[in-house]
Amino acid sequence: MSNDNGGWIMSSRSAGNGGTCVEARRHNGLIEVRNSKNPEAGVVRFTVEEWDSFLYGAKRGEFDVLLTD
């Protein structure tokens, strides 16, 4: 996937909710994640294995409880 945003990928869902989303990219062998509304705030870095584990859990709904009060 190529883009002109330094490799950052934003969810297509983000476009419909005022841009409130995170962006992610692979950079220097790590996955970097940042706030799309405040990219200057910094990034959180994960190994590929950590990111893979997170995505696996997210796809299985393991974090859905965080969406409720």
PDB file of N, CA and C in Angstrom:
ATOM      1  N   MET A   1       0.842  -1.166   0.000  1.00  0.00           N
ATOM      2  CA  MET A   1       0.000   0.000   0.000  1.00  0.00           C
ATOM      3  C   MET A   1       0.890   1.232   0.000  1.00  0.00           C
ATOM      4  N   SER A   2       0.666   2.144  -0.910  1.00  0.00           N
ATOM      5  CA  SER A   2       1.448   3.369  -0.930  1.00  0.00           C
ATOM      6  C   SER A   2       0.518   4.554  -0.750  1.00  0.00           C
ATOM      7  N   ASN A   3       1.025   5.568  -0.087  1.00  0.00           N
ATOM      8  CA  ASN A   3       0.277   6.804   0.060  1.00  0.00           C
ATOM      9  C   ASN A   3       1.266   7.942   0.193  1.00  0.00           C
ATOM     10  N   ASP A   4       0.768   9.159   0.264  1.00  0.00           N
ATOM     11  CA  ASP A   4       1.648  10.309   0.345  1.00  0.00           C
ATOM     12  C   ASP A   4       1.683  10.899   1.754  1.00  0.00           C
ATOM     13  N   ASN A   5       1.386  10.077   2.753  1.00  0.00           N
ATOM     14  CA  ASN A   5       1.304  10.539   4.129  1.00  0.00           C
ATOM     15  C   ASN A   5       2.369   9.871   5.001  1.00  0.00           C
ATOM     16  N   GLY A   6       3.534   9.618   4.447  1.00  0.00           N
ATOM     17  CA  GLY A   6       4.598   9.011   5.233  1.00  0.00           C
ATOM     18  C   GLY A   6       4.337   7.570   5.623  1.00  0.00           C
ATOM     19  N   GLY A   7       3.432   6.908   4.917  1.00  0.00           N
ATOM     20  CA  GLY A   7       3.122   5.520   5.220  1.00  0.00           C
ATOM     21  C   GLY A   7       2.037   5.323   6.258  1.00  0.00           C
ATOM     22  N   TRP A   8       1.501   6.411   6.819  1.00  0.00           N
ATOM     23  CA  TRP A   8       0.450   6.293   7.839  1.00  0.00           C
ATOM     24  C   TRP A   8      -0.843   5.805   7.215  1.00  0.00           C
ATOM     25  N   ILE A   9      -1.504   4.886   7.898  1.00  0.00           N
ATOM     26  CA  ILE A   9      -2.781   4.311   7.451  1.00  0.00           C
ATOM     27  C   ILE A   9      -3.840   4.693   8.469  1.00  0.00           C
ATOM     28  N   MET A  10      -4.928   5.261   7.977  1.00  0.00           N
ATOM     29  CA  MET A  10      -6.047   5.625   8.841  1.00  0.00           C
ATOM     30  C   MET A  10      -7.259   4.808   8.423  1.00  0.00           C
ATOM     31  N   SER A  11      -8.021   4.372   9.388  1.00  0.00           N
ATOM     32  CA  SER A  11      -9.219   3.603   9.113  1.00  0.00           C
ATOM     33  C   SER A  11     -10.180   4.395   8.241  1.00  0.00           C
ATOM     34  N   SER A  12     -10.831   3.723   7.301  1.00  0.00           N
ATOM     35  CA  SER A  12     -11.836   4.388   6.475  1.00  0.00           C
ATOM     36  C   SER A  12     -13.011   4.867   7.313  1.00  0.00           C
ATOM     37  N   ARG A  13     -13.244   4.265   8.455  1.00  0.00           N
ATOM     38  CA  ARG A  13     -14.314   4.700   9.351  1.00  0.00           C
ATOM     39  C   ARG A  13     -14.039   6.095   9.909  1.00  0.00           C
ATOM     40  N   SER A  14     -12.804   6.446  10.013  1.00  0.00           N
ATOM     41  CA  SER A  14     -12.406   7.728  10.574  1.00  0.00           C
ATOM     42  C   SER A  14     -13.002   8.906   9.807  1.00  0.00           C
ATOM     43  N   ALA A  15     -13.157   8.778   8.505  1.00  0.00           N
ATOM     44  CA  ALA A  15     -13.657   9.881   7.682  1.00  0.00           C
ATOM     45  C   ALA A  15     -15.070  10.297   8.074  1.00  0.00           C
ATOM     46  N   GLY A  16     -15.858   9.393   8.605  1.00  0.00           N
ATOM     47  CA  GLY A  16     -17.237   9.698   8.946  1.00  0.00           C
ATOM     48  C   GLY A  16     -17.456  10.152  10.371  1.00  0.00           C
ATOM     49  N   ASN A  17     -16.411  10.219  11.176  1.00  0.00           N
ATOM     50  CA  ASN A  17     -16.610  10.615  12.567  1.00  0.00           C
ATOM     51  C   ASN A  17     -15.753  11.807  12.964  1.00  0.00           C
ATOM     52  N   GLY A  18     -15.532  12.709  12.023  1.00  0.00           N
ATOM     53  CA  GLY A  18     -14.791  13.923  12.325  1.00  0.00           C
ATOM     54  C   GLY A  18     -13.292  13.731  12.460  1.00  0.00           C
ATOM     55  N   GLY A  19     -12.770  12.627  11.984  1.00  0.00           N
ATOM     56  CA  GLY A  19     -11.338  12.397  12.046  1.00  0.00           C
ATOM     57  C   GLY A  19     -10.837  11.900  13.387  1.00  0.00           C
ATOM     58  N   THR A  20     -11.739  11.502  14.264  1.00  0.00           N
ATOM     59  CA  THR A  20     -11.333  10.991  15.568  1.00  0.00           C
ATOM     60  C   THR A  20     -10.889   9.552  15.413  1.00  0.00           C
ATOM     61  N   CYS A  21      -9.607   9.378  15.254  1.00  0.00           N
ATOM     62  CA  CYS A  21      -9.108   8.035  15.001  1.00  0.00           C
ATOM     63  C   CYS A  21      -7.620   7.987  15.272  1.00  0.00           C
ATOM     64  N   VAL A  22      -7.081   6.828  15.178  1.00  0.00           N
ATOM     65  CA  VAL A  22      -5.634   6.661  15.253  1.00  0.00           C
ATOM     66  C   VAL A  22      -5.123   6.270  13.871  1.00  0.00           C
ATOM     67  N   GLU A  23      -3.856   6.491  13.669  1.00  0.00           N
ATOM     68  CA  GLU A  23      -3.185   6.090  12.443  1.00  0.00           C
ATOM     69  C   GLU A  23      -2.081   5.117  12.832  1.00  0.00           C
ATOM     70  N   ALA A  24      -1.723   4.266  11.905  1.00  0.00           N
ATOM     71  CA  ALA A  24      -0.640   3.327  12.152  1.00  0.00           C
ATOM     72  C   ALA A  24       0.221   3.203  10.904  1.00  0.00           C
ATOM     73  N   ARG A  25       1.476   2.859  11.119  1.00  0.00           N
ATOM     74  CA  ARG A  25       2.386   2.580  10.004  1.00  0.00           C
ATOM     75  C   ARG A  25       3.471   1.627  10.485  1.00  0.00           C
ATOM     76  N   ARG A  26       4.112   0.996   9.522  1.00  0.00           N
ATOM     77  CA  ARG A  26       5.298   0.181   9.819  1.00  0.00           C
ATOM     78  C   ARG A  26       6.509   1.017   9.474  1.00  0.00           C
ATOM     79  N   HIS A  27       7.398   1.186  10.457  1.00  0.00           N
ATOM     80  CA  HIS A  27       8.557   2.050  10.273  1.00  0.00           C
ATOM     81  C   HIS A  27       9.744   1.463  11.040  1.00  0.00           C
ATOM     82  N   ASN A  28      10.840   1.250  10.338  1.00  0.00           N
ATOM     83  CA  ASN A  28      12.056   0.684  10.945  1.00  0.00           C
ATOM     84  C   ASN A  28      11.784  -0.617  11.692  1.00  0.00           C
ATOM     85  N   GLY A  29      10.919  -1.453  11.128  1.00  0.00           N
ATOM     86  CA  GLY A  29      10.654  -2.765  11.705  1.00  0.00           C
ATOM     87  C   GLY A  29       9.659  -2.781  12.852  1.00  0.00           C
ATOM     88  N   LEU A  30       9.112  -1.620  13.207  1.00  0.00           N
ATOM     89  CA  LEU A  30       8.126  -1.532  14.284  1.00  0.00           C
ATOM     90  C   LEU A  30       6.808  -0.982  13.747  1.00  0.00           C
ATOM     91  N   ILE A  31       5.739  -1.222  14.484  1.00  0.00           N
ATOM     92  CA  ILE A  31       4.451  -0.619  14.174  1.00  0.00           C
ATOM     93  C   ILE A  31       4.325   0.619  15.049  1.00  0.00           C
ATOM     94  N   GLU A  32       4.073   1.761  14.423  1.00  0.00           N
ATOM     95  CA  GLU A  32       3.892   3.013  15.148  1.00  0.00           C
ATOM     96  C   GLU A  32       2.424   3.408  15.084  1.00  0.00           C
ATOM     97  N   VAL A  33       1.908   3.905  16.187  1.00  0.00           N
ATOM     98  CA  VAL A  33       0.508   4.317  16.287  1.00  0.00           C
ATOM     99  C   VAL A  33       0.486   5.729  16.852  1.00  0.00           C
ATOM    100  N   ARG A  34      -0.375   6.586  16.271  1.00  0.00           N
ATOM    101  CA  ARG A  34      -0.495   7.957  16.765  1.00  0.00           C
ATOM    102  C   ARG A  34      -1.925   8.457  16.634  1.00  0.00           C
ATOM    103  N   ASN A  35      -2.217   9.528  17.324  1.00  0.00           N
ATOM    104  CA  ASN A  35      -3.518  10.183  17.275  1.00  0.00           C
ATOM    105  C   ASN A  35      -3.585  10.996  15.989  1.00  0.00           C
ATOM    106  N   SER A  36      -4.578  10.726  15.146  1.00  0.00           N
ATOM    107  CA  SER A  36      -4.654  11.414  13.864  1.00  0.00           C
ATOM    108  C   SER A  36      -4.985  12.899  14.009  1.00  0.00           C
ATOM    109  N   LYS A  37      -5.637  13.295  15.094  1.00  0.00           N
ATOM    110  CA  LYS A  37      -5.959  14.710  15.297  1.00  0.00           C
ATOM    111  C   LYS A  37      -4.818  15.485  15.937  1.00  0.00           C
ATOM    112  N   ASN A  38      -3.865  14.780  16.528  1.00  0.00           N
ATOM    113  CA  ASN A  38      -2.745  15.432  17.183  1.00  0.00           C
ATOM    114  C   ASN A  38      -1.467  14.614  16.962  1.00  0.00           C
ATOM    115  N   PRO A  39      -1.028  14.509  15.713  1.00  0.00           N
ATOM    116  CA  PRO A  39       0.122  13.654  15.418  1.00  0.00           C
ATOM    117  C   PRO A  39       1.417  14.116  16.086  1.00  0.00           C
ATOM    118  N   GLU A  40       1.507  15.388  16.437  1.00  0.00           N
ATOM    119  CA  GLU A  40       2.714  15.900  17.078  1.00  0.00           C
ATOM    120  C   GLU A  40       2.841  15.424  18.524  1.00  0.00           C
ATOM    121  N   ALA A  41       1.780  14.843  19.081  1.00  0.00           N
ATOM    122  CA  ALA A  41       1.803  14.381  20.475  1.00  0.00           C
ATOM    123  C   ALA A  41       2.727  13.183  20.672  1.00  0.00           C
ATOM    124  N   GLY A  42       3.125  12.543  19.593  1.00  0.00           N
ATOM    125  CA  GLY A  42       4.049  11.421  19.696  1.00  0.00           C
ATOM    126  C   GLY A  42       3.438  10.126  19.223  1.00  0.00           C
ATOM    127  N   VAL A  43       4.238   9.098  19.233  1.00  0.00           N
ATOM    128  CA  VAL A  43       3.806   7.783  18.763  1.00  0.00           C
ATOM    129  C   VAL A  43       4.059   6.739  19.841  1.00  0.00           C
ATOM    130  N   VAL A  44       3.303   5.672  19.751  1.00  0.00           N
ATOM    131  CA  VAL A  44       3.527   4.482  20.564  1.00  0.00           C
ATOM    132  C   VAL A  44       4.037   3.416  19.603  1.00  0.00           C
ATOM    133  N   ARG A  45       5.088   2.730  19.986  1.00  0.00           N
ATOM    134  CA  ARG A  45       5.703   1.737  19.105  1.00  0.00           C
ATOM    135  C   ARG A  45       5.520   0.331  19.654  1.00  0.00           C
ATOM    136  N   PHE A  46       5.230  -0.587  18.724  1.00  0.00           N
ATOM    137  CA  PHE A  46       5.034  -1.995  19.056  1.00  0.00           C
ATOM    138  C   PHE A  46       5.875  -2.842  18.122  1.00  0.00           C
ATOM    139  N   THR A  47       6.315  -3.999  18.611  1.00  0.00           N
ATOM    140  CA  THR A  47       6.931  -4.957  17.701  1.00  0.00           C
ATOM    141  C   THR A  47       5.824  -5.523  16.817  1.00  0.00           C
ATOM    142  N   VAL A  48       6.215  -6.133  15.724  1.00  0.00           N
ATOM    143  CA  VAL A  48       5.231  -6.756  14.839  1.00  0.00           C
ATOM    144  C   VAL A  48       4.464  -7.838  15.588  1.00  0.00           C
ATOM    145  N   GLU A  49       5.152  -8.571  16.435  1.00  0.00           N
ATOM    146  CA  GLU A  49       4.497  -9.641  17.195  1.00  0.00           C
ATOM    147  C   GLU A  49       3.468  -9.073  18.177  1.00  0.00           C
ATOM    148  N   GLU A  50       3.812  -7.971  18.846  1.00  0.00           N
ATOM    149  CA  GLU A  50       2.863  -7.330  19.765  1.00  0.00           C
ATOM    150  C   GLU A  50       1.634  -6.832  19.018  1.00  0.00           C
ATOM    151  N   TRP A  51       1.863  -6.192  17.866  1.00  0.00           N
ATOM    152  CA  TRP A  51       0.749  -5.668  17.068  1.00  0.00           C
ATOM    153  C   TRP A  51      -0.132  -6.807  16.562  1.00  0.00           C
ATOM    154  N   ASP A  52       0.478  -7.884  16.138  1.00  0.00           N
ATOM    155  CA  ASP A  52      -0.272  -9.045  15.673  1.00  0.00           C
ATOM    156  C   ASP A  52      -1.155  -9.596  16.794  1.00  0.00           C
ATOM    157  N   SER A  53      -0.611  -9.684  17.997  1.00  0.00           N
ATOM    158  CA  SER A  53      -1.392 -10.166  19.145  1.00  0.00           C
ATOM    159  C   SER A  53      -2.551  -9.226  19.450  1.00  0.00           C
ATOM    160  N   PHE A  54      -2.298  -7.922  19.396  1.00  0.00           N
ATOM    161  CA  PHE A  54      -3.361  -6.952  19.641  1.00  0.00           C
ATOM    162  C   PHE A  54      -4.477  -7.090  18.600  1.00  0.00           C
ATOM    163  N   LEU A  55      -4.112  -7.142  17.330  1.00  0.00           N
ATOM    164  CA  LEU A  55      -5.127  -7.269  16.277  1.00  0.00           C
ATOM    165  C   LEU A  55      -5.931  -8.554  16.416  1.00  0.00           C
ATOM    166  N   TYR A  56      -5.267  -9.627  16.776  1.00  0.00           N
ATOM    167  CA  TYR A  56      -5.956 -10.898  16.983  1.00  0.00           C
ATOM    168  C   TYR A  56      -7.038 -10.738  18.053  1.00  0.00           C
ATOM    169  N   GLY A  57      -6.675 -10.138  19.180  1.00  0.00           N
ATOM    170  CA  GLY A  57      -7.640  -9.928  20.250  1.00  0.00           C
ATOM    171  C   GLY A  57      -8.750  -8.969  19.849  1.00  0.00           C
ATOM    172  N   ALA A  58      -8.389  -7.900  19.133  1.00  0.00           N
ATOM    173  CA  ALA A  58      -9.397  -6.921  18.702  1.00  0.00           C
ATOM    174  C   ALA A  58     -10.406  -7.561  17.753  1.00  0.00           C
ATOM    175  N   LYS A  59      -9.935  -8.359  16.832  1.00  0.00           N
ATOM    176  CA  LYS A  59     -10.835  -9.032  15.891  1.00  0.00           C
ATOM    177  C   LYS A  59     -11.769 -10.008  16.593  1.00  0.00           C
ATOM    178  N   ARG A  60     -11.339 -10.541  17.719  1.00  0.00           N
ATOM    179  CA  ARG A  60     -12.164 -11.482  18.484  1.00  0.00           C
ATOM    180  C   ARG A  60     -13.088 -10.776  19.479  1.00  0.00           C
ATOM    181  N   GLY A  61     -13.017  -9.431  19.529  1.00  0.00           N
ATOM    182  CA  GLY A  61     -13.892  -8.677  20.416  1.00  0.00           C
ATOM    183  C   GLY A  61     -13.400  -8.583  21.849  1.00  0.00           C
ATOM    184  N   GLU A  62     -12.154  -8.935  22.088  1.00  0.00           N
ATOM    185  CA  GLU A  62     -11.633  -8.963  23.457  1.00  0.00           C
ATOM    186  C   GLU A  62     -11.545  -7.584  24.109  1.00  0.00           C
ATOM    187  N   PHE A  63     -11.581  -6.523  23.325  1.00  0.00           N
ATOM    188  CA  PHE A  63     -11.480  -5.173  23.871  1.00  0.00           C
ATOM    189  C   PHE A  63     -12.804  -4.415  23.805  1.00  0.00           C
ATOM    190  N   ASP A  64     -13.852  -5.068  23.348  1.00  0.00           N
ATOM    191  CA  ASP A  64     -15.151  -4.400  23.184  1.00  0.00           C
ATOM    192  C   ASP A  64     -15.674  -3.832  24.502  1.00  0.00           C
ATOM    193  N   VAL A  65     -15.318  -4.425  25.624  1.00  0.00           N
ATOM    194  CA  VAL A  65     -15.772  -3.937  26.915  1.00  0.00           C
ATOM    195  C   VAL A  65     -15.284  -2.499  27.175  1.00  0.00           C
ATOM    196  N   LEU A  66     -14.213  -2.090  26.547  1.00  0.00           N
ATOM    197  CA  LEU A  66     -13.699  -0.735  26.715  1.00  0.00           C
ATOM    198  C   LEU A  66     -14.600   0.314  26.061  1.00  0.00           C
ATOM    199  N   LEU A  67     -15.528  -0.103  25.222  1.00  0.00           N
ATOM    200  CA  LEU A  67     -16.420   0.822  24.528  1.00  0.00           C
ATOM    201  C   LEU A  67     -17.673   1.156  25.327  1.00  0.00           C
ATOM    202  N   THR A  68     -17.871   0.491  26.442  1.00  0.00           N
ATOM    203  CA  THR A  68     -19.062   0.737  27.255  1.00  0.00           C
ATOM    204  C   THR A  68     -18.672   1.389  28.561  1.00  0.00           C
ATOM    205  N   ASP A  69     -19.615   2.148  29.103  1.00  0.00           N
ATOM    206  CA  ASP A  69     -19.368   2.813  30.402  1.00  0.00           C
ATOM    207  C   ASP A  69     -19.693   1.900  31.541  1.00  0.00           C
TER     208      ASP A  69
END
